Amino acid sequence: MTSPEITTPERTALDKALYDALNPLASALRARATGLPEERMWEAAPLEVTLSILATWKVVDAEVKHLTALAAKTAGSYGASYEQLGAAWGITRQGARKKWPDAVDKAAPGEPGESLVELCGGSATLSRDPSSGHWRWAGRAADGTHGQAASASRHATKEEAAAHAGAFLKEHAAEGS
């Protein structure tokens, strides 16, 4: 997999979307830091405003790193290798292993193991029955609901169990998610 390139119009649209998303957060963070109302953010000295925006980008950067690590771990739970993660990110296998050390399931194929699926504010553990080789899931959704594969459910693959767990987590997402 090669790293995707974006076109100039796509970059322009992305920049606009990011700035549109950033402004309310920057206003809220600045209001908390200064005690001034959000609507007065732009009345400050240009240096103060630009430093507030820089500090807000730091918050966004940390969240993007968190979401990136979550995406890598999710891909790893579906069987992606460090080589595949590195290719998707445009780095080496070793670089991917260093960047996301816990992303790839260490259990060898065919061995029993567990994986975690995090979605919509909840999480579910996927586990393989060593005797039957079937996969099951159990988890807690964002709204506090506990769920698991029905006792008669036998998922042939980790992906199938993850799909069922994901549907449960999505169905029980917290309000506003």
N, C-alpha and C. Protein backbone atom coordinates (compact mmCIF):
# COMPACT_ATOMS: atom_id res chain seq x y z
N MET A 1 0.85 -1.17 0.00
CA MET A 1 0.00 0.00 0.00
C MET A 1 0.90 1.23 0.00
N THR A 2 0.67 2.14 -0.91
CA THR A 2 1.44 3.36 -0.97
C THR A 2 0.73 4.45 -0.20
N SER A 3 1.51 5.42 0.27
CA SER A 3 0.92 6.54 0.99
C SER A 3 0.07 7.37 0.04
N PRO A 4 -1.12 7.74 0.46
CA PRO A 4 -1.99 8.51 -0.42
C PRO A 4 -1.48 9.95 -0.59
N GLU A 5 -1.64 10.46 -1.78
CA GLU A 5 -1.33 11.86 -2.07
C GLU A 5 -2.66 12.57 -2.22
N ILE A 6 -2.73 13.80 -1.74
CA ILE A 6 -3.97 14.53 -1.92
C ILE A 6 -3.77 15.63 -2.94
N THR A 7 -4.84 15.96 -3.61
CA THR A 7 -4.77 17.00 -4.63
C THR A 7 -4.86 18.37 -3.97
N THR A 8 -4.54 19.40 -4.72
CA THR A 8 -4.62 20.77 -4.19
C THR A 8 -6.04 21.10 -3.73
N PRO A 9 -7.08 20.79 -4.52
CA PRO A 9 -8.43 21.07 -4.02
C PRO A 9 -8.77 20.29 -2.74
N GLU A 10 -8.30 19.04 -2.66
CA GLU A 10 -8.54 18.26 -1.44
C GLU A 10 -7.83 18.89 -0.25
N ARG A 11 -6.59 19.35 -0.45
CA ARG A 11 -5.84 20.00 0.63
C ARG A 11 -6.56 21.29 1.07
N THR A 12 -7.05 22.06 0.11
CA THR A 12 -7.76 23.29 0.43
C THR A 12 -9.01 22.99 1.25
N ALA A 13 -9.76 21.98 0.84
CA ALA A 13 -10.97 21.59 1.58
C ALA A 13 -10.62 21.08 2.98
N LEU A 14 -9.55 20.30 3.08
CA LEU A 14 -9.11 19.79 4.38
C LEU A 14 -8.69 20.94 5.28
N ASP A 15 -7.90 21.87 4.77
CA ASP A 15 -7.48 23.03 5.56
C ASP A 15 -8.69 23.79 6.09
N LYS A 16 -9.67 24.02 5.22
CA LYS A 16 -10.87 24.76 5.63
C LYS A 16 -11.61 23.99 6.73
N ALA A 17 -11.79 22.69 6.55
CA ALA A 17 -12.50 21.88 7.54
C ALA A 17 -11.76 21.90 8.88
N LEU A 18 -10.44 21.82 8.84
CA LEU A 18 -9.66 21.84 10.08
C LEU A 18 -9.77 23.19 10.78
N TYR A 19 -9.66 24.27 10.02
CA TYR A 19 -9.80 25.60 10.62
C TYR A 19 -11.20 25.80 11.17
N ASP A 20 -12.22 25.35 10.46
CA ASP A 20 -13.59 25.47 10.95
C ASP A 20 -13.77 24.70 12.25
N ALA A 21 -13.14 23.54 12.36
CA ALA A 21 -13.22 22.74 13.59
C ALA A 21 -12.37 23.34 14.70
N LEU A 22 -11.26 23.96 14.34
CA LEU A 22 -10.33 24.51 15.33
C LEU A 22 -10.88 25.76 16.02
N ASN A 23 -11.55 26.62 15.29
CA ASN A 23 -11.96 27.91 15.86
C ASN A 23 -12.79 27.79 17.12
N PRO A 24 -13.84 26.96 17.17
CA PRO A 24 -14.60 26.86 18.43
C PRO A 24 -13.74 26.33 19.59
N LEU A 25 -12.87 25.37 19.30
CA LEU A 25 -12.01 24.83 20.34
C LEU A 25 -11.02 25.89 20.81
N ALA A 26 -10.43 26.63 19.89
CA ALA A 26 -9.49 27.70 20.26
C ALA A 26 -10.19 28.75 21.11
N SER A 27 -11.39 29.13 20.73
CA SER A 27 -12.15 30.11 21.50
C SER A 27 -12.45 29.60 22.91
N ALA A 28 -12.85 28.34 23.02
CA ALA A 28 -13.17 27.77 24.33
C ALA A 28 -11.93 27.66 25.21
N LEU A 29 -10.82 27.20 24.65
CA LEU A 29 -9.58 27.09 25.43
C LEU A 29 -9.09 28.46 25.88
N ARG A 30 -9.14 29.44 24.98
CA ARG A 30 -8.70 30.79 25.34
C ARG A 30 -9.61 31.39 26.40
N ALA A 31 -10.91 31.15 26.30
CA ALA A 31 -11.84 31.68 27.30
C ALA A 31 -11.53 31.09 28.68
N ARG A 32 -11.26 29.79 28.73
CA ARG A 32 -10.92 29.16 30.02
C ARG A 32 -9.61 29.71 30.57
N ALA A 33 -8.64 29.94 29.68
CA ALA A 33 -7.32 30.42 30.13
C ALA A 33 -7.36 31.87 30.60
N THR A 34 -8.20 32.70 29.96
CA THR A 34 -8.21 34.13 30.27
C THR A 34 -9.38 34.56 31.14
N GLY A 35 -10.42 33.74 31.19
CA GLY A 35 -11.62 34.14 31.92
C GLY A 35 -12.51 35.07 31.12
N LEU A 36 -12.13 35.38 29.89
CA LEU A 36 -12.93 36.25 29.03
C LEU A 36 -13.94 35.42 28.25
N PRO A 37 -15.04 36.03 27.82
CA PRO A 37 -16.00 35.29 27.01
C PRO A 37 -15.40 34.86 25.67
N GLU A 38 -15.89 33.74 25.14
CA GLU A 38 -15.36 33.20 23.88
C GLU A 38 -15.47 34.20 22.73
N GLU A 39 -16.55 34.97 22.69
CA GLU A 39 -16.74 35.89 21.58
C GLU A 39 -15.73 37.04 21.58
N ARG A 40 -14.95 37.19 22.66
CA ARG A 40 -13.95 38.26 22.71
C ARG A 40 -12.54 37.77 22.36
N MET A 41 -12.41 36.51 21.93
CA MET A 41 -11.09 35.96 21.63
C MET A 41 -10.32 36.81 20.63
N TRP A 42 -10.99 37.25 19.60
CA TRP A 42 -10.31 37.95 18.52
C TRP A 42 -10.01 39.40 18.86
N GLU A 43 -10.45 39.90 20.03
CA GLU A 43 -10.17 41.27 20.43
C GLU A 43 -8.81 41.41 21.11
N ALA A 44 -8.14 40.32 21.39
CA ALA A 44 -6.84 40.36 22.05
C ALA A 44 -5.76 40.78 21.06
N ALA A 45 -4.58 41.02 21.60
CA ALA A 45 -3.43 41.37 20.76
C ALA A 45 -3.14 40.21 19.81
N PRO A 46 -2.71 40.51 18.58
CA PRO A 46 -2.44 39.44 17.61
C PRO A 46 -1.50 38.36 18.13
N LEU A 47 -0.48 38.74 18.90
CA LEU A 47 0.44 37.74 19.44
C LEU A 47 -0.30 36.77 20.36
N GLU A 48 -1.15 37.29 21.23
CA GLU A 48 -1.90 36.43 22.15
C GLU A 48 -2.84 35.49 21.39
N VAL A 49 -3.50 36.01 20.38
CA VAL A 49 -4.42 35.20 19.59
C VAL A 49 -3.66 34.07 18.87
N THR A 50 -2.55 34.41 18.23
CA THR A 50 -1.81 33.39 17.49
C THR A 50 -1.20 32.34 18.42
N LEU A 51 -0.77 32.75 19.62
CA LEU A 51 -0.26 31.77 20.58
C LEU A 51 -1.39 30.87 21.08
N SER A 52 -2.58 31.41 21.22
CA SER A 52 -3.74 30.59 21.61
C SER A 52 -4.04 29.56 20.53
N ILE A 53 -3.96 29.99 19.29
CA ILE A 53 -4.21 29.06 18.18
C ILE A 53 -3.13 27.98 18.14
N LEU A 54 -1.88 28.37 18.34
CA LEU A 54 -0.79 27.38 18.38
C LEU A 54 -1.02 26.36 19.49
N ALA A 55 -1.41 26.84 20.67
CA ALA A 55 -1.68 25.93 21.78
C ALA A 55 -2.85 24.99 21.46
N THR A 56 -3.82 25.49 20.73
CA THR A 56 -4.95 24.65 20.34
C THR A 56 -4.53 23.59 19.34
N TRP A 57 -3.64 23.94 18.40
CA TRP A 57 -3.13 22.94 17.46
C TRP A 57 -2.39 21.84 18.20
N LYS A 58 -1.75 22.18 19.33
CA LYS A 58 -1.06 21.16 20.13
C LYS A 58 -2.08 20.14 20.66
N VAL A 59 -3.22 20.63 21.13
CA VAL A 59 -4.28 19.75 21.62
C VAL A 59 -4.77 18.86 20.48
N VAL A 60 -5.00 19.46 19.31
CA VAL A 60 -5.46 18.69 18.15
C VAL A 60 -4.41 17.65 17.75
N ASP A 61 -3.14 18.04 17.75
CA ASP A 61 -2.05 17.12 17.40
C ASP A 61 -2.03 15.91 18.33
N ALA A 62 -2.20 16.14 19.62
CA ALA A 62 -2.22 15.03 20.58
C ALA A 62 -3.40 14.10 20.31
N GLU A 63 -4.56 14.66 19.96
CA GLU A 63 -5.73 13.83 19.67
C GLU A 63 -5.54 13.04 18.37
N VAL A 64 -4.92 13.66 17.37
CA VAL A 64 -4.65 12.95 16.11
C VAL A 64 -3.69 11.79 16.38
N LYS A 65 -2.68 12.01 17.20
CA LYS A 65 -1.75 10.92 17.54
C LYS A 65 -2.48 9.79 18.25
N HIS A 66 -3.39 10.13 19.15
CA HIS A 66 -4.17 9.11 19.85
C HIS A 66 -5.03 8.32 18.86
N LEU A 67 -5.71 9.04 17.97
CA LEU A 67 -6.57 8.36 16.99
C LEU A 67 -5.75 7.53 16.00
N THR A 68 -4.55 8.00 15.66
CA THR A 68 -3.66 7.25 14.77
C THR A 68 -3.24 5.93 15.43
N ALA A 69 -2.85 6.02 16.70
CA ALA A 69 -2.46 4.80 17.43
C ALA A 69 -3.63 3.84 17.54
N LEU A 70 -4.83 4.37 17.76
CA LEU A 70 -6.02 3.53 17.83
C LEU A 70 -6.29 2.85 16.50
N ALA A 71 -6.12 3.58 15.40
CA ALA A 71 -6.31 2.99 14.07
C ALA A 71 -5.28 1.90 13.81
N ALA A 72 -4.03 2.13 14.21
CA ALA A 72 -2.99 1.12 14.03
C ALA A 72 -3.30 -0.13 14.85
N LYS A 73 -3.73 0.07 16.09
CA LYS A 73 -4.06 -1.07 16.95
C LYS A 73 -5.26 -1.84 16.40
N THR A 74 -6.24 -1.11 15.87
CA THR A 74 -7.41 -1.77 15.28
C THR A 74 -6.98 -2.58 14.06
N ALA A 75 -6.14 -1.98 13.20
CA ALA A 75 -5.65 -2.73 12.03
C ALA A 75 -4.88 -3.97 12.48
N GLY A 76 -4.07 -3.82 13.53
CA GLY A 76 -3.33 -4.96 14.07
C GLY A 76 -4.25 -6.04 14.61
N SER A 77 -5.37 -5.62 15.21
CA SER A 77 -6.31 -6.62 15.74
C SER A 77 -6.98 -7.41 14.63
N TYR A 78 -7.01 -6.82 13.41
CA TYR A 78 -7.57 -7.53 12.26
C TYR A 78 -6.50 -8.32 11.51
N GLY A 79 -5.28 -8.32 12.04
CA GLY A 79 -4.24 -9.15 11.44
C GLY A 79 -3.18 -8.40 10.66
N ALA A 80 -3.21 -7.06 10.65
CA ALA A 80 -2.17 -6.31 9.94
C ALA A 80 -0.82 -6.55 10.59
N SER A 81 0.21 -6.63 9.77
CA SER A 81 1.57 -6.78 10.26
C SER A 81 2.21 -5.41 10.40
N TYR A 82 3.35 -5.37 11.08
CA TYR A 82 4.08 -4.10 11.18
C TYR A 82 4.54 -3.64 9.79
N GLU A 83 4.82 -4.57 8.92
CA GLU A 83 5.20 -4.20 7.55
C GLU A 83 4.04 -3.47 6.86
N GLN A 84 2.83 -3.98 7.04
CA GLN A 84 1.66 -3.34 6.43
C GLN A 84 1.36 -1.98 7.07
N LEU A 85 1.47 -1.91 8.39
CA LEU A 85 1.26 -0.63 9.07
C LEU A 85 2.28 0.41 8.60
N GLY A 86 3.54 -0.02 8.50
CA GLY A 86 4.59 0.89 8.03
C GLY A 86 4.33 1.36 6.61
N ALA A 87 3.91 0.45 5.75
CA ALA A 87 3.63 0.83 4.36
C ALA A 87 2.50 1.85 4.30
N ALA A 88 1.47 1.66 5.11
CA ALA A 88 0.35 2.59 5.12
C ALA A 88 0.76 3.97 5.63
N TRP A 89 1.74 4.01 6.54
CA TRP A 89 2.19 5.27 7.14
C TRP A 89 3.39 5.86 6.40
N GLY A 90 3.97 5.08 5.49
CA GLY A 90 5.13 5.56 4.74
C GLY A 90 6.44 5.45 5.51
N ILE A 91 6.51 4.44 6.40
CA ILE A 91 7.72 4.19 7.17
C ILE A 91 8.08 2.71 7.08
N THR A 92 9.20 2.35 7.64
CA THR A 92 9.63 0.96 7.62
C THR A 92 8.86 0.12 8.63
N ARG A 93 9.00 -1.18 8.50
CA ARG A 93 8.41 -2.11 9.47
C ARG A 93 8.94 -1.80 10.87
N GLN A 94 10.25 -1.55 10.97
CA GLN A 94 10.85 -1.25 12.26
C GLN A 94 10.31 0.08 12.82
N GLY A 95 10.13 1.04 11.92
CA GLY A 95 9.57 2.32 12.35
C GLY A 95 8.16 2.18 12.89
N ALA A 96 7.37 1.34 12.24
CA ALA A 96 5.99 1.10 12.69
C ALA A 96 6.00 0.40 14.05
N ARG A 97 6.90 -0.57 14.22
CA ARG A 97 6.99 -1.29 15.49
C ARG A 97 7.36 -0.32 16.62
N LYS A 98 8.25 0.61 16.32
CA LYS A 98 8.66 1.61 17.32
C LYS A 98 7.53 2.60 17.61
N LYS A 99 6.84 3.03 16.56
CA LYS A 99 5.77 4.02 16.70
C LYS A 99 4.57 3.45 17.44
N TRP A 100 4.19 2.20 17.13
CA TRP A 100 3.01 1.56 17.74
C TRP A 100 3.41 0.19 18.28
N PRO A 101 4.14 0.14 19.38
CA PRO A 101 4.69 -1.15 19.85
C PRO A 101 3.64 -2.20 20.22
N ASP A 102 2.44 -1.80 20.56
CA ASP A 102 1.42 -2.77 20.97
C ASP A 102 0.33 -2.96 19.92
N ALA A 103 0.59 -2.52 18.69
CA ALA A 103 -0.46 -2.55 17.67
C ALA A 103 -0.70 -3.94 17.10
N VAL A 104 0.32 -4.75 17.00
CA VAL A 104 0.18 -6.05 16.35
C VAL A 104 0.08 -7.14 17.39
N ASP A 105 -0.93 -8.00 17.21
CA ASP A 105 -1.14 -9.13 18.10
C ASP A 105 0.08 -10.05 18.01
N LYS A 106 0.67 -10.34 19.16
CA LYS A 106 1.89 -11.14 19.17
C LYS A 106 1.65 -12.64 19.04
N ALA A 107 0.40 -13.07 19.19
CA ALA A 107 0.11 -14.51 19.06
C ALA A 107 0.32 -14.93 17.62
N ALA A 108 0.96 -16.04 17.45
CA ALA A 108 1.19 -16.56 16.10
C ALA A 108 -0.14 -17.02 15.51
N PRO A 109 -0.26 -16.99 14.19
CA PRO A 109 -1.51 -17.45 13.56
C PRO A 109 -1.84 -18.87 14.00
N GLY A 110 -3.10 -19.07 14.30
CA GLY A 110 -3.54 -20.40 14.73
C GLY A 110 -3.46 -20.60 16.22
N GLU A 111 -2.75 -19.72 16.93
CA GLU A 111 -2.66 -19.85 18.38
C GLU A 111 -3.81 -19.11 19.03
N PRO A 112 -4.21 -19.53 20.24
CA PRO A 112 -5.23 -18.77 20.95
C PRO A 112 -4.69 -17.38 21.26
N GLY A 113 -5.55 -16.42 21.29
CA GLY A 113 -5.14 -15.07 21.60
C GLY A 113 -6.34 -14.20 21.85
N GLU A 114 -6.07 -12.98 22.30
CA GLU A 114 -7.12 -12.01 22.53
C GLU A 114 -6.79 -10.74 21.78
N SER A 115 -7.83 -10.02 21.37
CA SER A 115 -7.68 -8.72 20.73
C SER A 115 -8.73 -7.80 21.32
N LEU A 116 -8.44 -6.52 21.26
CA LEU A 116 -9.35 -5.52 21.78
C LEU A 116 -9.89 -4.69 20.63
N VAL A 117 -11.19 -4.48 20.62
CA VAL A 117 -11.84 -3.59 19.65
C VAL A 117 -12.38 -2.41 20.44
N GLU A 118 -11.96 -1.19 20.08
CA GLU A 118 -12.47 0.01 20.71
C GLU A 118 -13.22 0.80 19.65
N LEU A 119 -14.49 1.12 19.95
CA LEU A 119 -15.33 1.79 18.97
C LEU A 119 -16.45 2.52 19.69
N CYS A 120 -16.74 3.72 19.24
CA CYS A 120 -17.87 4.51 19.75
C CYS A 120 -17.84 4.66 21.27
N GLY A 121 -16.66 4.76 21.85
CA GLY A 121 -16.53 4.96 23.28
C GLY A 121 -16.59 3.70 24.13
N GLY A 122 -16.76 2.55 23.52
CA GLY A 122 -16.80 1.29 24.25
C GLY A 122 -15.69 0.37 23.80
N SER A 123 -15.60 -0.79 24.42
CA SER A 123 -14.58 -1.74 24.00
C SER A 123 -15.08 -3.17 24.18
N ALA A 124 -14.53 -4.05 23.38
CA ALA A 124 -14.88 -5.47 23.44
C ALA A 124 -13.61 -6.29 23.25
N THR A 125 -13.54 -7.37 23.97
CA THR A 125 -12.42 -8.28 23.85
C THR A 125 -12.83 -9.44 22.96
N LEU A 126 -11.99 -9.73 21.98
CA LEU A 126 -12.20 -10.88 21.10
C LEU A 126 -11.30 -11.99 21.61
N SER A 127 -11.84 -13.17 21.76
CA SER A 127 -11.01 -14.28 22.24
C SER A 127 -11.30 -15.53 21.42
N ARG A 128 -10.28 -16.34 21.29
CA ARG A 128 -10.38 -17.57 20.50
C ARG A 128 -10.39 -18.77 21.42
N ASP A 129 -11.36 -19.63 21.21
CA ASP A 129 -11.44 -20.86 21.98
C ASP A 129 -10.40 -21.82 21.43
N PRO A 130 -9.40 -22.21 22.25
CA PRO A 130 -8.34 -23.07 21.74
C PRO A 130 -8.81 -24.45 21.30
N SER A 131 -9.90 -24.94 21.89
CA SER A 131 -10.34 -26.28 21.52
C SER A 131 -11.12 -26.29 20.20
N SER A 132 -11.98 -25.28 19.98
CA SER A 132 -12.79 -25.28 18.76
C SER A 132 -12.21 -24.38 17.67
N GLY A 133 -11.41 -23.40 18.09
CA GLY A 133 -10.86 -22.45 17.14
C GLY A 133 -11.81 -21.32 16.79
N HIS A 134 -13.03 -21.35 17.35
CA HIS A 134 -14.00 -20.30 17.09
C HIS A 134 -13.71 -19.06 17.93
N TRP A 135 -14.18 -17.92 17.41
CA TRP A 135 -13.97 -16.64 18.09
C TRP A 135 -15.24 -16.19 18.79
N ARG A 136 -15.08 -15.53 19.94
CA ARG A 136 -16.18 -14.97 20.72
C ARG A 136 -15.82 -13.54 21.08
N TRP A 137 -16.78 -12.80 21.58
CA TRP A 137 -16.51 -11.44 22.03
C TRP A 137 -17.32 -11.14 23.28
N ALA A 138 -16.82 -10.23 24.07
CA ALA A 138 -17.54 -9.72 25.25
C ALA A 138 -17.06 -8.29 25.45
N GLY A 139 -17.98 -7.41 25.81
CA GLY A 139 -17.56 -6.03 25.97
C GLY A 139 -18.54 -5.18 26.73
N ARG A 140 -18.13 -3.92 26.89
CA ARG A 140 -18.94 -2.91 27.56
C ARG A 140 -19.02 -1.71 26.64
N ALA A 141 -20.23 -1.30 26.33
CA ALA A 141 -20.45 -0.17 25.44
C ALA A 141 -20.36 1.15 26.20
N ALA A 142 -20.30 2.24 25.46
CA ALA A 142 -20.17 3.57 26.05
C ALA A 142 -21.34 3.90 26.97
N ASP A 143 -22.52 3.36 26.70
CA ASP A 143 -23.68 3.66 27.54
C ASP A 143 -23.73 2.76 28.78
N GLY A 144 -22.70 1.93 28.99
CA GLY A 144 -22.62 1.07 30.17
C GLY A 144 -23.19 -0.32 29.97
N THR A 145 -23.77 -0.59 28.83
CA THR A 145 -24.36 -1.90 28.56
C THR A 145 -23.27 -2.94 28.35
N HIS A 146 -23.41 -4.07 29.03
CA HIS A 146 -22.50 -5.19 28.83
C HIS A 146 -23.11 -6.11 27.78
N GLY A 147 -22.28 -6.70 26.96
CA GLY A 147 -22.77 -7.62 25.96
C GLY A 147 -21.73 -8.66 25.63
N GLN A 148 -22.18 -9.74 25.02
CA GLN A 148 -21.27 -10.80 24.58
C GLN A 148 -21.93 -11.62 23.50
N ALA A 149 -21.12 -12.38 22.82
CA ALA A 149 -21.65 -13.28 21.80
C ALA A 149 -22.59 -14.26 22.47
N ALA A 150 -23.68 -14.55 21.82
CA ALA A 150 -24.63 -15.54 22.36
C ALA A 150 -23.91 -16.87 22.52
N SER A 151 -24.33 -17.64 23.50
CA SER A 151 -23.63 -18.91 23.77
C SER A 151 -23.60 -19.83 22.55
N ALA A 152 -24.60 -19.72 21.68
CA ALA A 152 -24.63 -20.56 20.49
C ALA A 152 -23.82 -19.97 19.33
N SER A 153 -23.38 -18.70 19.49
CA SER A 153 -22.64 -18.04 18.41
C SER A 153 -21.25 -18.63 18.30
N ARG A 154 -20.90 -18.98 17.08
CA ARG A 154 -19.56 -19.48 16.80
C ARG A 154 -19.06 -18.75 15.59
N HIS A 155 -18.18 -17.81 15.83
CA HIS A 155 -17.63 -17.01 14.74
C HIS A 155 -16.37 -17.69 14.22
N ALA A 156 -16.35 -17.96 12.93
CA ALA A 156 -15.24 -18.69 12.33
C ALA A 156 -13.96 -17.86 12.28
N THR A 157 -14.10 -16.54 12.21
CA THR A 157 -12.91 -15.70 12.12
C THR A 157 -12.96 -14.57 13.15
N LYS A 158 -11.79 -14.04 13.44
CA LYS A 158 -11.70 -12.88 14.32
C LYS A 158 -12.47 -11.71 13.73
N GLU A 159 -12.41 -11.56 12.41
CA GLU A 159 -13.09 -10.45 11.75
C GLU A 159 -14.59 -10.52 11.93
N GLU A 160 -15.14 -11.74 11.85
CA GLU A 160 -16.58 -11.93 12.04
C GLU A 160 -16.98 -11.57 13.47
N ALA A 161 -16.20 -12.03 14.45
CA ALA A 161 -16.49 -11.69 15.85
C ALA A 161 -16.36 -10.19 16.06
N ALA A 162 -15.36 -9.57 15.44
CA ALA A 162 -15.16 -8.12 15.57
C ALA A 162 -16.33 -7.35 14.96
N ALA A 163 -16.86 -7.84 13.85
CA ALA A 163 -18.01 -7.18 13.22
C ALA A 163 -19.22 -7.22 14.14
N HIS A 164 -19.46 -8.33 14.79
CA HIS A 164 -20.59 -8.44 15.71
C HIS A 164 -20.36 -7.57 16.94
N ALA A 165 -19.15 -7.58 17.45
CA ALA A 165 -18.82 -6.72 18.60
C ALA A 165 -18.97 -5.25 18.21
N GLY A 166 -18.49 -4.89 17.04
CA GLY A 166 -18.59 -3.51 16.57
C GLY A 166 -20.03 -3.06 16.42
N ALA A 167 -20.89 -3.93 15.91
CA ALA A 167 -22.31 -3.61 15.77
C ALA A 167 -22.93 -3.36 17.15
N PHE A 168 -22.57 -4.18 18.14
CA PHE A 168 -23.05 -3.98 19.50
C PHE A 168 -22.58 -2.64 20.05
N LEU A 169 -21.28 -2.34 19.90
CA LEU A 169 -20.73 -1.08 20.42
C LEU A 169 -21.38 0.12 19.76
N LYS A 170 -21.61 0.03 18.46
CA LYS A 170 -22.27 1.15 17.74
C LYS A 170 -23.71 1.32 18.21
N GLU A 171 -24.41 0.20 18.39
CA GLU A 171 -25.81 0.27 18.82
C GLU A 171 -25.94 0.88 20.20
N HIS A 172 -24.92 0.71 21.03
CA HIS A 172 -24.98 1.21 22.41
C HIS A 172 -23.99 2.35 22.65
N ALA A 173 -23.77 3.16 21.63
CA ALA A 173 -22.92 4.34 21.80
C ALA A 173 -23.60 5.33 22.73
N ALA A 174 -22.79 6.11 23.42
CA ALA A 174 -23.34 7.12 24.33
C ALA A 174 -24.07 8.18 23.54
N GLU A 175 -25.00 8.85 24.17
CA GLU A 175 -25.74 9.94 23.53
C GLU A 175 -24.76 10.95 22.97
N GLY A 176 -24.99 11.43 21.75
CA GLY A 176 -24.15 12.45 21.12
C GLY A 176 -22.93 11.90 20.45
N SER A 177 -22.72 10.57 20.48
CA SER A 177 -21.53 9.99 19.83
C SER A 177 -21.78 9.80 18.37
